[in-house]
Amino acid sequence: MSQILYCSTIPCADVCSYSQDYWFNNGGVHAWPGSITVGNCTYDEATGRSLKVKFKAGGVIMQSFLQASAIKLSFFGGTIPSAVQADLNVLDAFLATLSCLDPLATSLPSGSSAAVSAAAANISTWINNNHCK
């Protein structure tokens, strides 16, 4: 039986992703492969990490940003698995309705929806079930 292998910023392996903790909590150890676009805004590693530190309890907006970022960073330059693409599209569309997240702001923009919360939770579950070893 043959397996489909995906390659991206991680070594070729069965389809897997690293979590937001991998990308946001291990500065210098797990460097971002490049800037990513989430919603309509492009974020570099320093900005992404600053957002995580400042707004770690930022509700659905930060959950959406962090889960979308984890998938995009894990598959940087590669193909995002179809199992999470639809949920990623929901998060990107939602975040595109907001102003860019700014670590110098005093608060996050407001916004929420049940569909967005569900999409972020689905991606979280997929990452937990398919975390790279």
C-alpha atoms as a PDB file:
ATOM      1  CA  MET A   1       0.000   0.000   0.000  1.00  0.00           C
ATOM      2  CA  SER A   2       1.445   3.377  -0.942  1.00  0.00           C
ATOM      3  CA  GLN A   3       1.011   6.520   1.133  1.00  0.00           C
ATOM      4  CA  ILE A   4       0.671  10.100  -0.014  1.00  0.00           C
ATOM      5  CA  LEU A   5       3.548  12.170   1.316  1.00  0.00           C
ATOM      6  CA  TYR A   6       3.528  15.942   1.652  1.00  0.00           C
ATOM      7  CA  CYS A   7       6.621  18.095   1.901  1.00  0.00           C
ATOM      8  CA  SER A   8       6.844  21.642   3.174  1.00  0.00           C
ATOM      9  CA  THR A   9       8.959  23.330   5.825  1.00  0.00           C
ATOM     10  CA  ILE A  10       9.016  19.990   7.617  1.00  0.00           C
ATOM     11  CA  PRO A  11      10.722  16.836   6.327  1.00  0.00           C
ATOM     12  CA  CYS A  12       8.707  14.664   3.954  1.00  0.00           C
ATOM     13  CA  ALA A  13       6.314  12.601   6.037  1.00  0.00           C
ATOM     14  CA  ASP A  14       2.753  11.507   6.366  1.00  0.00           C
ATOM     15  CA  VAL A  15       0.439  14.513   6.493  1.00  0.00           C
ATOM     16  CA  CYS A  16       1.037  16.281   9.793  1.00  0.00           C
ATOM     17  CA  SER A  17       1.146  19.753  11.259  1.00  0.00           C
ATOM     18  CA  TYR A  18       2.891  21.494  14.091  1.00  0.00           C
ATOM     19  CA  SER A  19       0.796  23.276  16.695  1.00  0.00           C
ATOM     20  CA  GLN A  20       0.607  26.949  17.525  1.00  0.00           C
ATOM     21  CA  ASP A  21       2.810  26.221  20.561  1.00  0.00           C
ATOM     22  CA  TYR A  22       5.521  24.923  18.239  1.00  0.00           C
ATOM     23  CA  TRP A  23       5.449  28.065  16.082  1.00  0.00           C
ATOM     24  CA  PHE A  24       4.738  30.714  18.709  1.00  0.00           C
ATOM     25  CA  ASN A  25       6.435  29.538  21.923  1.00  0.00           C
ATOM     26  CA  ASN A  26       9.846  28.361  20.763  1.00  0.00           C
ATOM     27  CA  GLY A  27      11.594  31.436  19.412  1.00  0.00           C
ATOM     28  CA  GLY A  28      14.963  30.658  17.911  1.00  0.00           C
ATOM     29  CA  VAL A  29      14.317  26.919  18.087  1.00  0.00           C
ATOM     30  CA  HIS A  30      11.462  26.715  15.587  1.00  0.00           C
ATOM     31  CA  ALA A  31      11.892  29.697  13.308  1.00  0.00           C
ATOM     32  CA  TRP A  32       9.165  30.635  10.873  1.00  0.00           C
ATOM     33  CA  PRO A  33      10.005  29.756   7.269  1.00  0.00           C
ATOM     34  CA  GLY A  34       8.744  33.175   6.127  1.00  0.00           C
ATOM     35  CA  SER A  35       5.947  35.691   6.467  1.00  0.00           C
ATOM     36  CA  ILE A  36       2.372  34.468   6.132  1.00  0.00           C
ATOM     37  CA  THR A  37      -0.850  36.121   5.026  1.00  0.00           C
ATOM     38  CA  VAL A  38      -3.804  35.594   7.325  1.00  0.00           C
ATOM     39  CA  GLY A  39      -7.006  37.330   6.303  1.00  0.00           C
ATOM     40  CA  ASN A  40      -5.810  40.353   4.304  1.00  0.00           C
ATOM     41  CA  CYS A  41      -2.705  40.991   6.400  1.00  0.00           C
ATOM     42  CA  THR A  42       0.826  39.676   6.197  1.00  0.00           C
ATOM     43  CA  TYR A  43       2.625  38.864   9.435  1.00  0.00           C
ATOM     44  CA  ASP A  44       6.281  38.184  10.066  1.00  0.00           C
ATOM     45  CA  GLU A  45       7.602  36.039  12.892  1.00  0.00           C
ATOM     46  CA  ALA A  46       8.322  38.919  15.286  1.00  0.00           C
ATOM     47  CA  THR A  47       4.825  40.359  14.884  1.00  0.00           C
ATOM     48  CA  GLY A  48       3.155  36.963  15.198  1.00  0.00           C
ATOM     49  CA  ARG A  49       5.054  36.117  18.368  1.00  0.00           C
ATOM     50  CA  SER A  50       4.319  39.572  19.838  1.00  0.00           C
ATOM     51  CA  LEU A  51       0.600  39.118  19.157  1.00  0.00           C
ATOM     52  CA  LYS A  52       0.631  35.733  20.914  1.00  0.00           C
ATOM     53  CA  VAL A  53       2.352  37.169  23.991  1.00  0.00           C
ATOM     54  CA  LYS A  54       0.134  40.242  24.270  1.00  0.00           C
ATOM     55  CA  PHE A  55      -3.243  38.739  23.354  1.00  0.00           C
ATOM     56  CA  LYS A  56      -2.869  35.077  24.349  1.00  0.00           C
ATOM     57  CA  ALA A  57      -6.379  35.133  25.826  1.00  0.00           C
ATOM     58  CA  GLY A  58      -7.850  36.995  22.853  1.00  0.00           C
ATOM     59  CA  GLY A  59     -10.886  34.778  22.341  1.00  0.00           C
ATOM     60  CA  VAL A  60     -12.049  33.717  18.909  1.00  0.00           C
ATOM     61  CA  ILE A  61      -9.925  36.293  17.084  1.00  0.00           C
ATOM     62  CA  MET A  62      -6.635  35.042  18.494  1.00  0.00           C
ATOM     63  CA  GLN A  63      -7.775  31.429  18.296  1.00  0.00           C
ATOM     64  CA  SER A  64      -8.537  31.994  14.605  1.00  0.00           C
ATOM     65  CA  PHE A  65      -5.238  33.766  13.976  1.00  0.00           C
ATOM     66  CA  LEU A  66      -3.153  31.155  15.803  1.00  0.00           C
ATOM     67  CA  GLN A  67      -4.814  28.075  14.268  1.00  0.00           C
ATOM     68  CA  ALA A  68      -4.710  29.542  10.741  1.00  0.00           C
ATOM     69  CA  SER A  69      -1.071  30.512  11.261  1.00  0.00           C
ATOM     70  CA  ALA A  70      -0.078  27.065  12.556  1.00  0.00           C
ATOM     71  CA  ILE A  71      -1.493  25.397   9.438  1.00  0.00           C
ATOM     72  CA  LYS A  72      -0.007  27.959   7.057  1.00  0.00           C
ATOM     73  CA  LEU A  73       3.427  27.746   8.677  1.00  0.00           C
ATOM     74  CA  SER A  74       3.397  23.941   8.789  1.00  0.00           C
ATOM     75  CA  PHE A  75       2.590  23.724   5.076  1.00  0.00           C
ATOM     76  CA  PHE A  76       4.520  26.838   4.004  1.00  0.00           C
ATOM     77  CA  GLY A  77       5.145  26.585   0.282  1.00  0.00           C
ATOM     78  CA  GLY A  78       3.193  23.324   0.087  1.00  0.00           C
ATOM     79  CA  THR A  79      -0.361  22.116  -0.236  1.00  0.00           C
ATOM     80  CA  ILE A  80      -2.658  22.472   2.737  1.00  0.00           C
ATOM     81  CA  PRO A  81      -4.584  19.237   3.332  1.00  0.00           C
ATOM     82  CA  SER A  82      -8.153  19.290   2.074  1.00  0.00           C
ATOM     83  CA  ALA A  83      -9.314  18.097   5.511  1.00  0.00           C
ATOM     84  CA  VAL A  84      -8.580  21.578   6.921  1.00  0.00           C
ATOM     85  CA  GLN A  85      -8.738  23.830   3.847  1.00  0.00           C
ATOM     86  CA  ALA A  86     -12.458  24.644   4.168  1.00  0.00           C
ATOM     87  CA  ASP A  87     -12.035  25.572   7.840  1.00  0.00           C
ATOM     88  CA  LEU A  88      -8.967  27.649   6.986  1.00  0.00           C
ATOM     89  CA  ASN A  89     -11.023  29.476   4.349  1.00  0.00           C
ATOM     90  CA  VAL A  90     -13.619  30.338   7.031  1.00  0.00           C
ATOM     91  CA  LEU A  91     -10.918  31.745   9.310  1.00  0.00           C
ATOM     92  CA  ASP A  92      -9.253  33.712   6.517  1.00  0.00           C
ATOM     93  CA  ALA A  93     -12.592  35.203   5.426  1.00  0.00           C
ATOM     94  CA  PHE A  94     -13.428  36.179   9.014  1.00  0.00           C
ATOM     95  CA  LEU A  95     -10.019  37.723   9.702  1.00  0.00           C
ATOM     96  CA  ALA A  96     -10.214  39.609   6.385  1.00  0.00           C
ATOM     97  CA  THR A  97     -13.204  41.526   7.783  1.00  0.00           C
ATOM     98  CA  LEU A  98     -11.055  42.920  10.616  1.00  0.00           C
ATOM     99  CA  SER A  99      -8.261  45.433  10.672  1.00  0.00           C
ATOM    100  CA  CYS A 100      -4.773  43.929  10.826  1.00  0.00           C
ATOM    101  CA  LEU A 101      -3.843  42.654  14.256  1.00  0.00           C
ATOM    102  CA  ASP A 102      -1.316  44.973  15.864  1.00  0.00           C
ATOM    103  CA  PRO A 103       0.790  44.044  18.894  1.00  0.00           C
ATOM    104  CA  LEU A 104       1.039  47.754  19.768  1.00  0.00           C
ATOM    105  CA  ALA A 105      -2.751  48.135  19.994  1.00  0.00           C
ATOM    106  CA  THR A 106      -4.395  48.213  23.387  1.00  0.00           C
ATOM    107  CA  SER A 107      -7.017  45.688  22.316  1.00  0.00           C
ATOM    108  CA  LEU A 108      -8.040  43.388  19.501  1.00  0.00           C
ATOM    109  CA  PRO A 109     -10.772  44.307  17.043  1.00  0.00           C
ATOM    110  CA  SER A 110     -14.132  42.799  17.930  1.00  0.00           C
ATOM    111  CA  GLY A 111     -15.929  40.060  16.064  1.00  0.00           C
ATOM    112  CA  SER A 112     -17.143  36.519  16.473  1.00  0.00           C
ATOM    113  CA  SER A 113     -19.423  33.869  15.041  1.00  0.00           C
ATOM    114  CA  ALA A 114     -20.339  30.285  15.785  1.00  0.00           C
ATOM    115  CA  ALA A 115     -19.012  29.189  12.369  1.00  0.00           C
ATOM    116  CA  VAL A 116     -15.631  30.807  13.039  1.00  0.00           C
ATOM    117  CA  SER A 117     -15.365  29.243  16.495  1.00  0.00           C
ATOM    118  CA  ALA A 118     -16.254  25.852  15.014  1.00  0.00           C
ATOM    119  CA  ALA A 119     -13.693  26.212  12.201  1.00  0.00           C
ATOM    120  CA  ALA A 120     -10.922  27.130  14.655  1.00  0.00           C
ATOM    121  CA  ALA A 121     -11.880  24.198  16.891  1.00  0.00           C
ATOM    122  CA  ASN A 122     -11.887  21.834  13.886  1.00  0.00           C
ATOM    123  CA  ILE A 123      -8.374  22.915  12.920  1.00  0.00           C
ATOM    124  CA  SER A 124      -7.208  22.530  16.514  1.00  0.00           C
ATOM    125  CA  THR A 125      -8.609  18.997  16.632  1.00  0.00           C
ATOM    126  CA  TRP A 126      -7.025  18.134  13.272  1.00  0.00           C
ATOM    127  CA  ILE A 127      -3.634  19.404  14.430  1.00  0.00           C
ATOM    128  CA  ASN A 128      -3.910  17.449  17.698  1.00  0.00           C
ATOM    129  CA  ASN A 129      -4.800  14.294  15.779  1.00  0.00           C
ATOM    130  CA  ASN A 130      -2.090  14.839  13.142  1.00  0.00           C
ATOM    131  CA  HIS A 131       0.715  16.489  15.103  1.00  0.00           C
ATOM    132  CA  CYS A 132       4.166  15.921  13.675  1.00  0.00           C
ATOM    133  CA  LYS A 133       6.363  13.837  15.939  1.00  0.00           C
END
